[in-house]
Amino acid sequence: MNIPDRLRDVDVSNVYDVFEATAAERGDALAVEMNGREFSYTDLESRAARFAGGLRERGLDAGDRLLVYLPNCPEYVVGSLGAFRAGVVVSPVNPQYKARELGHQLTDTEAAAVLTHPALREHLDEACEEHGLDPTIVEVGEGSPGAVAFGAVDADPVRADTTLDTVAMQPYTSGTTGKPKGVHLTHRNLHAQAYSGFQLSEVPPEEEKSLAVLPLYHITGFVHSTWQPLVRGGSVYLRNPGEWDPVETMRTMEEAEVTGFIGVATMFVDMVNHERFGEFDLSSLETVNQGGAKMPTAVQETFEETASLSMSEGYGLTETTAATHTGHGTTYGPKLGSIGQPLRMTDCKIVDDDGEEVEPGETGELLVRGPQVMDGYHGLPEATRRAFTDAGYFRTGDVARRDEDNYYEIVDRKKHTINTAGYNVYPSEVESLLYEHEGVADVAVVGVPDERRNEVPKAFVVPANEQVTPEELKEFTLENLAEYKHPREVEFVESFPRTASGKVRKFKLVEDEEGDDE
């Protein structure tokens, strides 16, 4: 890895230190651009440092939580960097969340402040009122009643007394049951991923241009599309995934001469299948990565041929501060269908149900260990204990196998998560909501194949009355959950196949669904 001297020599006790070292060297070079708004490294660092001072002036101390409830925007980057410097823990929130989903994160973090946008205030206010909360609300823009304008959170810079083991971020994840869990990511975790980024790109910093379309609330969008390029000294072209447009994406790639892009399979499907694919010059691209779901082979081959490069699939989790595996920098380069090899700092193995390591070619649970692995779950010591082996390996819950060349492949998700266009949907959450509807007697949600999104949720429902309709139930979920979580199809059934203990045999529902499609 070609790590510059500025980062070899810096004494790091806070991840802000590595960004500050890069900003001092890159100065007036472009750091972030979004729809014509440009921020140099000097400007970005100055704004972040003064935002840190503003947080302290507003009463936030080191260890307090700042929820960032925003779509992609420069203020997201400034606010997060400033919070790191102030020792305030950043807790990113999906901007598609409504009050119901937002409430748990607000209460579990005991949020001292929320950085948000006027368009999201309705959901935020509803959640705060329901739970009796009164955090400081900082709004992008002028600041509506009851909020502080983003620009007003500005004061002389401060720097908290942190160590690399201090918690820096608290994103939320979830299993197939129970409420979402807060993940403690430390300054050490982010520091490790900052340096691992040099394995992922060999483009000189002054030439690197990253197109960041993945949502910043997602660990991959924040770490790989934004944090790593900024530490390396490149330019980040930030876009809002809520305004995703394949043509505009390809146009930006051509006009900005983008060198790096990370997307989910759905994005590549949309680009390749668009009638204007092939009109744009994508030859500036040097590194293209995808993850979250398997890429259709035909789509990958078409994109690679047009852009004249080899795409790389990667793998990571919220609990691992994003990547643990990548095809970049591997022994033989990217291998189609694999997630590549472990990052240089990552130790991993595949084990059977007894915890014994399996031979190459055999499947088992993927375990990982390294400096990017989380410190633990927030307020859940027992869940944290279960998540790790005695030797300190994190149990990913994913079934994998590796070949003789140490390339890994994800075979299945042990946790039964539905992966739709790169977003995780947890059936228990959708089921819990549908049970609240008076027309639902019983419900089971599964993932079914979808050509564009990989999978989509489908709800099998035992109706409680003759008046309820599938469209009514779909609308009910749309009103209460993020759009990508709602069942694209609701099928009424008389009963479910069950085990002797009464559990729904969901795999039978999936098998029957696939059989109907044949």
Protein backbone atom coordinates (compact mmCIF):
# COMPACT_ATOMS: atom_id res chain seq x y z
CA MET A 1 0.00 0.00 0.00
CA ASN A 2 1.37 3.38 -1.04
CA ILE A 3 0.58 5.39 2.12
CA PRO A 4 1.83 9.01 1.95
CA ASP A 5 4.29 10.34 4.54
CA ARG A 6 1.70 12.75 5.96
CA LEU A 7 -0.27 9.76 7.27
CA ARG A 8 2.73 7.72 8.33
CA ASP A 9 3.95 10.47 10.64
CA VAL A 10 0.67 11.74 12.14
CA ASP A 11 -0.02 10.87 15.80
CA VAL A 12 -3.63 9.64 15.77
CA SER A 13 -5.91 9.69 18.80
CA ASN A 14 -8.99 10.74 16.80
CA VAL A 15 -9.78 9.87 13.17
CA TYR A 16 -10.19 13.57 12.52
CA ASP A 17 -6.37 13.74 12.80
CA VAL A 18 -5.87 11.81 9.54
CA PHE A 19 -8.38 13.97 7.69
CA GLU A 20 -6.78 17.14 9.08
CA ALA A 21 -3.33 15.97 7.92
CA THR A 22 -4.65 15.41 4.40
CA ALA A 23 -6.50 18.74 4.39
CA ALA A 24 -3.32 20.59 5.39
CA GLU A 25 -1.50 19.13 2.39
CA ARG A 26 -4.32 19.31 -0.17
CA GLY A 27 -5.38 22.88 0.72
CA ASP A 28 -7.39 24.46 -2.09
CA ALA A 29 -7.90 21.17 -3.95
CA LEU A 30 -11.52 20.13 -4.44
CA ALA A 31 -12.74 17.92 -1.58
CA VAL A 32 -16.52 17.71 -2.10
CA GLU A 33 -18.80 18.76 -4.93
CA MET A 34 -22.57 18.42 -5.10
CA ASN A 35 -24.70 19.86 -7.87
CA GLY A 36 -22.40 22.84 -8.37
CA ARG A 37 -21.58 23.44 -4.68
CA GLU A 38 -17.83 23.05 -4.18
CA PHE A 39 -15.78 22.74 -0.99
CA SER A 40 -12.00 22.76 -0.92
CA TYR A 41 -10.08 20.79 1.70
CA THR A 42 -9.27 23.99 3.54
CA ASP A 43 -12.92 25.03 3.53
CA LEU A 44 -14.20 21.60 4.58
CA GLU A 45 -11.71 21.31 7.45
CA SER A 46 -12.40 24.85 8.69
CA ARG A 47 -16.18 24.34 8.63
CA ALA A 48 -15.91 20.98 10.41
CA ALA A 49 -13.61 22.39 13.11
CA ARG A 50 -15.98 25.29 13.78
CA PHE A 51 -18.98 22.93 13.75
CA ALA A 52 -17.21 20.97 16.51
CA GLY A 53 -16.95 24.19 18.49
CA GLY A 54 -20.59 24.93 17.81
CA LEU A 55 -21.67 21.54 19.15
CA ARG A 56 -19.75 22.18 22.35
CA GLU A 57 -21.26 25.67 22.62
CA ARG A 58 -24.73 24.11 22.25
CA GLY A 59 -24.02 21.89 25.25
CA LEU A 60 -22.90 18.65 23.61
CA ASP A 61 -20.01 16.93 25.40
CA ALA A 62 -17.76 14.09 24.29
CA GLY A 63 -19.74 10.85 24.27
CA ASP A 64 -23.08 12.53 23.53
CA ARG A 65 -24.96 11.26 20.48
CA LEU A 66 -25.72 13.28 17.34
CA LEU A 67 -28.30 11.66 15.08
CA VAL A 68 -27.70 12.55 11.44
CA TYR A 69 -31.11 12.27 9.79
CA LEU A 70 -30.29 13.64 6.35
CA PRO A 71 -30.12 12.65 2.70
CA ASN A 72 -26.69 12.93 1.06
CA CYS A 73 -25.44 16.51 1.20
CA PRO A 74 -22.23 18.40 2.06
CA GLU A 75 -23.62 19.25 5.51
CA TYR A 76 -23.71 15.53 6.25
CA VAL A 77 -19.95 15.36 5.71
CA VAL A 78 -19.19 18.59 7.62
CA GLY A 79 -21.39 17.57 10.55
CA SER A 80 -19.88 14.08 10.82
CA LEU A 81 -16.29 15.31 10.66
CA GLY A 82 -17.05 18.03 13.20
CA ALA A 83 -18.65 15.51 15.55
CA PHE A 84 -15.58 13.26 15.34
CA ARG A 85 -13.37 16.19 16.31
CA ALA A 86 -15.67 17.10 19.22
CA GLY A 87 -15.78 13.50 20.46
CA VAL A 88 -19.53 13.46 19.78
CA VAL A 89 -20.78 10.09 18.51
CA VAL A 90 -22.37 10.16 15.05
CA SER A 91 -25.48 7.98 14.74
CA PRO A 92 -26.61 7.91 11.08
CA VAL A 93 -30.31 7.47 10.33
CA ASN A 94 -31.93 6.33 7.10
CA PRO A 95 -33.66 9.49 5.73
CA GLN A 96 -36.48 7.26 4.46
CA TYR A 97 -37.43 6.40 8.04
CA LYS A 98 -40.73 7.61 9.36
CA ALA A 99 -41.63 8.35 12.99
CA ARG A 100 -42.24 4.72 13.91
CA GLU A 101 -38.75 3.64 12.85
CA LEU A 102 -37.03 6.78 14.09
CA GLY A 103 -38.34 6.49 17.65
CA HIS A 104 -36.22 3.51 18.68
CA GLN A 105 -32.96 5.09 17.54
CA LEU A 106 -33.80 8.38 19.25
CA THR A 107 -34.50 6.69 22.56
CA ASP A 108 -31.79 4.05 22.42
CA THR A 109 -29.05 6.63 21.73
CA GLU A 110 -30.56 9.18 24.13
CA ALA A 111 -29.79 11.63 21.33
CA ALA A 112 -28.60 15.02 22.53
CA ALA A 113 -29.03 16.55 19.07
CA VAL A 114 -30.39 15.72 15.63
CA LEU A 115 -28.98 17.10 12.38
CA THR A 116 -31.81 17.04 9.86
CA HIS A 117 -33.62 18.76 6.99
CA PRO A 118 -36.90 20.74 7.07
CA ALA A 119 -38.55 18.15 4.82
CA LEU A 120 -38.02 15.49 7.52
CA ARG A 121 -39.20 17.53 10.51
CA GLU A 122 -42.72 16.11 10.45
CA HIS A 123 -41.49 12.58 11.19
CA LEU A 124 -38.89 13.80 13.68
CA ASP A 125 -41.36 15.96 15.59
CA GLU A 126 -43.88 13.11 15.72
CA ALA A 127 -41.29 10.71 17.11
CA CYS A 128 -40.02 13.21 19.69
CA GLU A 129 -43.54 14.00 20.87
CA GLU A 130 -44.48 10.32 21.14
CA HIS A 131 -41.42 9.51 23.26
CA GLY A 132 -41.30 12.74 25.24
CA LEU A 133 -37.91 13.79 23.84
CA ASP A 134 -36.49 17.27 23.36
CA PRO A 135 -33.10 17.05 21.58
CA THR A 136 -31.42 20.08 20.03
CA ILE A 137 -32.53 20.14 16.40
CA VAL A 138 -30.08 21.47 13.83
CA GLU A 139 -31.53 22.06 10.38
CA VAL A 140 -29.83 22.41 7.03
CA GLY A 141 -30.92 25.78 5.73
CA GLU A 142 -32.23 28.74 7.67
CA GLY A 143 -33.77 26.73 10.48
CA SER A 144 -37.54 26.52 11.00
CA PRO A 145 -39.31 27.10 14.35
CA GLY A 146 -37.82 24.97 17.11
CA ALA A 147 -34.57 24.37 15.22
CA VAL A 148 -31.11 25.89 14.97
CA ALA A 149 -29.81 26.77 11.53
CA PHE A 150 -26.84 24.63 10.48
CA GLY A 151 -24.75 27.73 9.87
CA ALA A 152 -25.40 28.94 13.42
CA VAL A 153 -23.64 25.91 14.91
CA ASP A 154 -20.35 27.70 14.57
CA ALA A 155 -17.76 28.63 17.18
CA ASP A 156 -14.04 28.57 17.86
CA PRO A 157 -12.71 25.08 17.11
CA VAL A 158 -12.48 22.52 19.91
CA ARG A 159 -10.89 19.09 20.00
CA ALA A 160 -12.00 16.38 22.43
CA ASP A 161 -9.59 14.27 24.41
CA THR A 162 -10.26 10.91 22.75
CA THR A 163 -8.34 7.69 22.16
CA LEU A 164 -8.57 5.24 19.29
CA ASP A 165 -10.79 3.06 21.50
CA THR A 166 -13.37 5.85 21.97
CA VAL A 167 -16.68 5.27 20.15
CA ALA A 168 -16.91 7.47 17.03
CA MET A 169 -20.06 6.19 15.30
CA GLN A 170 -23.19 4.31 16.30
CA PRO A 171 -25.02 3.09 13.21
CA TYR A 172 -27.87 0.62 13.60
CA THR A 173 -28.30 -2.85 12.22
CA SER A 174 -30.76 -5.63 12.88
CA GLY A 175 -31.11 -9.39 12.86
CA THR A 176 -34.13 -11.33 11.78
CA THR A 177 -35.80 -10.83 15.15
CA GLY A 178 -35.88 -8.09 17.74
CA LYS A 179 -35.23 -4.38 17.51
CA PRO A 180 -32.33 -2.80 15.57
CA LYS A 181 -29.04 -2.87 17.46
CA GLY A 182 -26.68 0.06 17.85
CA VAL A 183 -23.14 -0.77 16.72
CA HIS A 184 -20.17 0.79 18.51
CA LEU A 185 -17.60 1.74 15.88
CA THR A 186 -14.49 3.27 17.38
CA HIS A 187 -11.94 5.75 16.11
CA ARG A 188 -9.65 2.73 15.70
CA ASN A 189 -12.19 1.05 13.41
CA LEU A 190 -12.44 4.12 11.16
CA HIS A 191 -8.68 4.66 11.34
CA ALA A 192 -8.08 1.11 10.08
CA GLN A 193 -10.52 1.56 7.20
CA ALA A 194 -8.98 4.92 6.30
CA TYR A 195 -5.67 3.17 5.65
CA SER A 196 -7.20 0.08 4.04
CA GLY A 197 -8.50 2.42 1.37
CA PHE A 198 -5.02 2.61 -0.10
CA GLN A 199 -5.38 -1.05 -1.05
CA LEU A 200 -8.56 -0.25 -2.96
CA SER A 201 -7.20 2.51 -5.21
CA GLU A 202 -3.89 3.04 -6.96
CA VAL A 203 -4.95 6.33 -8.56
CA PRO A 204 -2.75 9.29 -7.47
CA PRO A 205 -4.69 11.49 -4.98
CA GLU A 206 -4.62 14.55 -7.21
CA GLU A 207 -6.35 12.51 -9.93
CA GLU A 208 -8.84 10.54 -7.82
CA LYS A 209 -12.51 11.42 -8.30
CA SER A 210 -15.07 9.36 -6.41
CA LEU A 211 -18.73 9.41 -7.38
CA ALA A 212 -20.69 8.86 -4.14
CA VAL A 213 -24.28 7.85 -4.90
CA LEU A 214 -24.75 5.27 -2.16
CA PRO A 215 -26.51 6.74 0.90
CA LEU A 216 -24.16 8.17 3.53
CA TYR A 217 -26.23 6.66 6.35
CA HIS A 218 -25.09 3.27 5.01
CA ILE A 219 -21.64 2.25 6.20
CA THR A 220 -20.38 1.51 2.66
CA GLY A 221 -21.54 4.88 1.33
CA PHE A 222 -19.89 6.72 4.20
CA VAL A 223 -16.64 4.76 4.48
CA HIS A 224 -15.80 3.68 0.95
CA SER A 225 -17.41 6.34 -1.23
CA THR A 226 -16.59 9.32 0.99
CA TRP A 227 -14.32 8.82 4.03
CA GLN A 228 -11.59 6.87 2.29
CA PRO A 229 -11.33 9.19 -0.76
CA LEU A 230 -11.15 12.23 1.55
CA VAL A 231 -8.35 10.66 3.59
CA ARG A 232 -6.51 9.72 0.41
CA GLY A 233 -6.85 13.30 -0.83
CA GLY A 234 -9.23 12.83 -3.74
CA SER A 235 -12.39 14.63 -4.78
CA VAL A 236 -15.85 13.34 -3.84
CA TYR A 237 -18.76 14.02 -6.20
CA LEU A 238 -21.72 13.61 -3.89
CA ARG A 239 -25.18 12.77 -5.22
CA ASN A 240 -28.55 11.97 -3.60
CA PRO A 241 -29.60 8.32 -4.09
CA GLY A 242 -33.20 9.44 -3.67
CA GLU A 243 -32.79 11.17 -7.04
CA TRP A 244 -31.07 8.21 -8.68
CA ASP A 245 -30.95 8.56 -12.45
CA PRO A 246 -28.77 6.19 -14.52
CA VAL A 247 -28.34 8.72 -17.32
CA GLU A 248 -27.26 11.54 -14.98
CA THR A 249 -24.88 9.13 -13.27
CA MET A 250 -23.20 8.18 -16.54
CA ARG A 251 -23.12 11.82 -17.63
CA THR A 252 -21.36 12.78 -14.38
CA MET A 253 -18.88 9.94 -14.87
CA GLU A 254 -18.01 11.33 -18.29
CA GLU A 255 -18.03 15.06 -17.53
CA ALA A 256 -16.19 14.87 -14.19
CA GLU A 257 -13.88 12.11 -15.45
CA VAL A 258 -14.78 9.99 -12.43
CA THR A 259 -12.14 7.40 -11.51
CA GLY A 260 -13.97 5.44 -8.80
CA PHE A 261 -17.56 4.29 -8.32
CA ILE A 262 -19.23 1.92 -5.86
CA GLY A 263 -22.78 0.80 -6.47
CA VAL A 264 -25.27 -1.97 -5.83
CA ALA A 265 -26.36 -4.42 -8.51
CA THR A 266 -29.59 -2.53 -9.17
CA MET A 267 -27.67 0.57 -10.25
CA PHE A 268 -25.65 -1.36 -12.81
CA VAL A 269 -28.79 -3.11 -14.06
CA ASP A 270 -30.43 0.29 -14.59
CA MET A 271 -27.41 1.69 -16.45
CA VAL A 272 -26.81 -1.30 -18.69
CA ASN A 273 -30.49 -1.73 -19.55
CA HIS A 274 -31.03 1.95 -20.36
CA GLU A 275 -31.44 2.76 -24.03
CA ARG A 276 -28.71 5.40 -23.75
CA PHE A 277 -26.11 3.04 -22.32
CA GLY A 278 -23.08 3.21 -24.57
CA GLU A 279 -23.49 6.90 -25.41
CA PHE A 280 -21.23 8.04 -22.56
CA ASP A 281 -17.45 7.82 -22.29
CA LEU A 282 -16.69 5.79 -19.15
CA SER A 283 -13.01 5.30 -19.89
CA SER A 284 -11.89 7.46 -16.94
CA LEU A 285 -13.10 4.77 -14.51
CA GLU A 286 -10.23 2.92 -12.85
CA THR A 287 -11.99 1.12 -9.98
CA VAL A 288 -15.60 0.00 -9.94
CA ASN A 289 -16.97 -1.98 -7.00
CA GLN A 290 -20.31 -3.53 -6.21
CA GLY A 291 -21.73 -5.31 -3.21
CA GLY A 292 -24.90 -6.04 -1.30
CA ALA A 293 -26.21 -8.67 -3.72
CA LYS A 294 -24.87 -10.86 -6.49
CA MET A 295 -24.43 -9.06 -9.79
CA PRO A 296 -26.09 -10.69 -12.84
CA THR A 297 -23.19 -12.04 -14.90
CA ALA A 298 -24.50 -10.62 -18.18
CA VAL A 299 -24.83 -7.14 -16.66
CA GLN A 300 -21.32 -7.24 -15.23
CA GLU A 301 -19.76 -8.40 -18.49
CA THR A 302 -21.58 -5.71 -20.48
CA PHE A 303 -20.50 -2.92 -18.12
CA GLU A 304 -16.91 -4.18 -18.00
CA GLU A 305 -16.71 -4.30 -21.80
CA THR A 306 -18.08 -0.77 -22.19
CA ALA A 307 -15.88 0.74 -19.44
CA SER A 308 -12.83 -1.38 -20.36
CA LEU A 309 -12.14 -2.57 -16.80
CA SER A 310 -12.70 -5.44 -14.39
CA MET A 311 -15.33 -4.83 -11.73
CA SER A 312 -14.71 -6.01 -8.19
CA GLU A 313 -17.24 -7.42 -5.78
CA GLY A 314 -16.66 -6.77 -2.09
CA TYR A 315 -18.09 -7.79 1.24
CA GLY A 316 -18.54 -6.15 4.60
CA LEU A 317 -21.01 -5.42 7.36
CA THR A 318 -21.99 -2.54 9.59
CA GLU A 319 -20.26 -4.41 12.42
CA THR A 320 -17.01 -4.48 10.43
CA THR A 321 -17.05 -0.77 9.48
CA ALA A 322 -17.70 -1.91 5.89
CA ALA A 323 -15.20 -4.02 3.93
CA THR A 324 -13.48 -7.17 5.06
CA HIS A 325 -13.02 -8.62 1.53
CA THR A 326 -12.37 -7.14 -1.90
CA GLY A 327 -11.28 -8.16 -5.36
CA HIS A 328 -8.91 -5.18 -5.64
CA GLY A 329 -5.28 -5.81 -4.82
CA THR A 330 -5.84 -9.58 -4.75
CA THR A 331 -3.42 -12.24 -5.93
CA TYR A 332 -4.98 -12.80 -9.35
CA GLY A 333 -7.30 -9.81 -9.56
CA PRO A 334 -11.11 -9.91 -9.34
CA LYS A 335 -12.76 -13.31 -9.85
CA LEU A 336 -16.29 -13.32 -11.20
CA GLY A 337 -18.78 -14.42 -8.52
CA SER A 338 -16.37 -14.06 -5.60
CA ILE A 339 -16.00 -11.33 -2.98
CA GLY A 340 -12.24 -11.52 -3.44
CA GLN A 341 -9.72 -12.08 -0.68
CA PRO A 342 -9.58 -10.68 2.87
CA LEU A 343 -8.16 -7.19 3.26
CA ARG A 344 -4.54 -7.24 4.41
CA MET A 345 -5.56 -6.41 8.00
CA THR A 346 -8.31 -9.06 8.15
CA ASP A 347 -8.09 -12.56 9.59
CA CYS A 348 -10.96 -14.85 8.70
CA LYS A 349 -12.03 -18.47 8.50
CA ILE A 350 -15.04 -20.60 7.65
CA VAL A 351 -16.36 -22.98 10.30
CA ASP A 352 -18.99 -25.67 10.64
CA ASP A 353 -21.72 -25.79 13.29
CA ASP A 354 -19.19 -27.15 15.80
CA GLY A 355 -16.83 -24.24 15.23
CA GLU A 356 -14.28 -26.36 13.37
CA GLU A 357 -12.62 -24.83 10.30
CA VAL A 358 -13.73 -26.44 7.04
CA GLU A 359 -11.63 -27.33 4.01
CA PRO A 360 -11.54 -25.22 0.81
CA GLY A 361 -14.67 -25.78 -1.24
CA GLU A 362 -16.81 -26.63 1.80
CA THR A 363 -19.44 -24.25 3.18
CA GLY A 364 -19.78 -22.88 6.69
CA GLU A 365 -20.22 -19.67 8.62
CA LEU A 366 -17.78 -16.87 7.83
CA LEU A 367 -15.90 -15.53 10.87
CA VAL A 368 -13.76 -12.37 10.72
CA ARG A 369 -11.28 -10.67 13.02
CA GLY A 370 -9.39 -7.41 12.57
CA PRO A 371 -9.02 -3.76 13.64
CA GLN A 372 -12.14 -2.76 11.69
CA VAL A 373 -14.45 -5.05 13.70
CA MET A 374 -16.84 -3.30 16.08
CA ASP A 375 -16.32 -2.86 19.80
CA GLY A 376 -19.78 -4.26 20.52
CA TYR A 377 -23.52 -3.58 20.51
CA HIS A 378 -24.86 -0.57 22.39
CA GLY A 379 -26.23 -1.54 25.79
CA LEU A 380 -26.41 -5.22 24.84
CA PRO A 381 -23.58 -7.10 26.54
CA GLU A 382 -25.15 -10.51 26.03
CA ALA A 383 -25.70 -9.92 22.31
CA THR A 384 -22.10 -8.72 22.08
CA ARG A 385 -20.84 -11.85 23.81
CA ARG A 386 -22.80 -14.09 21.45
CA ALA A 387 -21.49 -12.20 18.43
CA PHE A 388 -17.86 -13.20 19.10
CA THR A 389 -16.04 -16.48 19.54
CA ASP A 390 -13.69 -17.01 22.48
CA ALA A 391 -10.80 -16.28 20.12
CA GLY A 392 -12.27 -12.89 19.21
CA TYR A 393 -13.72 -13.73 15.78
CA PHE A 394 -16.95 -11.97 14.81
CA ARG A 395 -19.72 -14.30 13.68
CA THR A 396 -21.04 -12.77 10.44
CA GLY A 397 -24.05 -15.07 10.21
CA ASP A 398 -23.34 -15.54 6.49
CA VAL A 399 -22.63 -18.88 4.85
CA ALA A 400 -19.53 -18.84 2.64
CA ARG A 401 -16.85 -20.97 1.04
CA ARG A 402 -13.33 -20.30 -0.18
CA ASP A 403 -11.27 -21.83 -2.95
CA GLU A 404 -7.66 -22.99 -3.03
CA ASP A 405 -6.51 -19.47 -3.94
CA ASN A 406 -8.15 -17.99 -0.82
CA TYR A 407 -10.95 -16.30 -2.75
CA TYR A 408 -14.26 -16.25 -0.86
CA GLU A 409 -17.83 -16.58 -2.05
CA ILE A 410 -21.00 -15.78 -0.10
CA VAL A 411 -23.41 -18.67 -0.55
CA ASP A 412 -26.40 -17.69 1.57
CA ARG A 413 -27.51 -15.42 4.40
CA LYS A 414 -27.86 -17.34 7.60
CA LYS A 415 -29.92 -14.56 9.12
CA HIS A 416 -32.71 -14.73 6.48
CA THR A 417 -32.39 -11.07 5.65
CA ILE A 418 -34.12 -9.90 2.47
CA ASN A 419 -31.67 -7.93 0.34
CA THR A 420 -33.50 -5.59 -2.01
CA ALA A 421 -31.39 -3.30 -4.22
CA GLY A 422 -28.67 -3.24 -1.59
CA TYR A 423 -31.02 -2.47 1.31
CA ASN A 424 -31.63 -4.97 4.11
CA VAL A 425 -35.24 -5.72 4.97
CA TYR A 426 -35.96 -7.73 8.11
CA PRO A 427 -39.17 -9.77 7.81
CA SER A 428 -39.97 -9.54 11.53
CA GLU A 429 -40.26 -5.74 11.31
CA VAL A 430 -42.74 -5.88 8.41
CA GLU A 431 -44.65 -8.73 10.05
CA SER A 432 -44.86 -6.84 13.35
CA LEU A 433 -46.46 -3.88 11.60
CA LEU A 434 -48.93 -5.96 9.58
CA TYR A 435 -50.09 -7.71 12.76
CA GLU A 436 -51.32 -4.30 13.94
CA HIS A 437 -53.80 -4.14 11.06
CA GLU A 438 -57.26 -5.33 12.03
CA GLY A 439 -57.58 -7.26 8.79
CA VAL A 440 -54.58 -9.51 9.49
CA ALA A 441 -54.92 -12.72 11.47
CA ASP A 442 -51.52 -14.16 10.63
CA VAL A 443 -48.63 -13.12 8.40
CA ALA A 444 -45.27 -14.34 7.10
CA VAL A 445 -42.92 -12.19 5.02
CA VAL A 446 -40.30 -13.73 2.72
CA GLY A 447 -37.98 -12.55 -0.02
CA VAL A 448 -38.84 -13.53 -3.59
CA PRO A 449 -36.61 -13.12 -6.65
CA ASP A 450 -36.80 -9.88 -8.60
CA GLU A 451 -34.99 -9.23 -11.86
CA ARG A 452 -34.04 -5.65 -10.99
CA ARG A 453 -33.77 -5.56 -7.20
CA ASN A 454 -32.42 -9.09 -6.58
CA GLU A 455 -35.20 -9.75 -4.05
CA VAL A 456 -38.35 -8.00 -2.89
CA PRO A 457 -40.54 -8.64 0.17
CA LYS A 458 -43.72 -10.64 -0.29
CA ALA A 459 -46.31 -11.04 2.45
CA PHE A 460 -48.40 -14.17 2.87
CA VAL A 461 -51.44 -13.19 4.92
CA VAL A 462 -54.23 -15.10 6.62
CA PRO A 463 -56.98 -12.44 6.50
CA ALA A 464 -59.07 -11.71 9.60
CA ASN A 465 -62.11 -10.58 7.62
CA GLU A 466 -63.47 -10.47 4.09
CA GLN A 467 -63.24 -6.68 3.79
CA VAL A 468 -59.45 -6.34 3.80
CA THR A 469 -57.66 -6.23 0.44
CA PRO A 470 -54.02 -6.75 -0.59
CA GLU A 471 -53.80 -3.17 -1.83
CA GLU A 472 -55.00 -1.87 1.56
CA LEU A 473 -52.23 -3.79 3.33
CA LYS A 474 -49.56 -2.57 0.91
CA GLU A 475 -50.69 1.00 1.45
CA PHE A 476 -50.64 0.46 5.23
CA THR A 477 -46.98 -0.56 5.15
CA LEU A 478 -46.09 2.34 2.85
CA GLU A 479 -47.58 4.76 5.37
CA ASN A 480 -45.52 3.40 8.24
CA LEU A 481 -42.24 2.06 6.84
CA ALA A 482 -39.60 3.10 4.34
CA GLU A 483 -40.74 2.47 0.77
CA TYR A 484 -38.23 -0.31 0.02
CA LYS A 485 -39.58 -2.40 2.93
CA HIS A 486 -43.16 -2.68 1.77
CA PRO A 487 -44.32 -5.99 0.24
CA ARG A 488 -44.54 -5.70 -3.54
CA GLU A 489 -47.08 -8.49 -3.38
CA VAL A 490 -49.58 -9.61 -0.74
CA GLU A 491 -51.06 -13.08 -1.15
CA PHE A 492 -53.96 -14.32 0.96
CA VAL A 493 -53.73 -17.90 2.21
CA GLU A 494 -55.84 -20.07 4.51
CA SER A 495 -52.94 -21.25 6.68
CA PHE A 496 -49.15 -21.67 6.85
CA PRO A 497 -46.98 -24.79 6.77
CA ARG A 498 -45.57 -25.13 10.30
CA THR A 499 -43.07 -27.17 12.26
CA ALA A 500 -44.13 -29.38 15.15
CA SER A 501 -43.35 -26.51 17.52
CA GLY A 502 -45.58 -24.14 15.57
CA LYS A 503 -42.97 -22.10 13.69
CA VAL A 504 -43.80 -21.08 10.12
CA ARG A 505 -41.74 -23.06 7.61
CA LYS A 506 -40.84 -20.05 5.48
CA PHE A 507 -38.62 -22.05 3.18
CA LYS A 508 -41.75 -23.95 2.08
CA LEU A 509 -43.45 -20.69 1.18
CA VAL A 510 -40.42 -19.73 -0.91
CA GLU A 511 -40.28 -23.16 -2.56
CA ASP A 512 -43.98 -23.03 -3.39
CA GLU A 513 -43.55 -19.52 -4.79
CA GLU A 514 -40.67 -20.63 -7.02
CA GLY A 515 -42.66 -23.67 -8.12
CA ASP A 516 -45.56 -21.44 -9.19
CA ASP A 517 -43.17 -19.44 -11.39
CA GLU A 518 -41.90 -22.49 -13.26
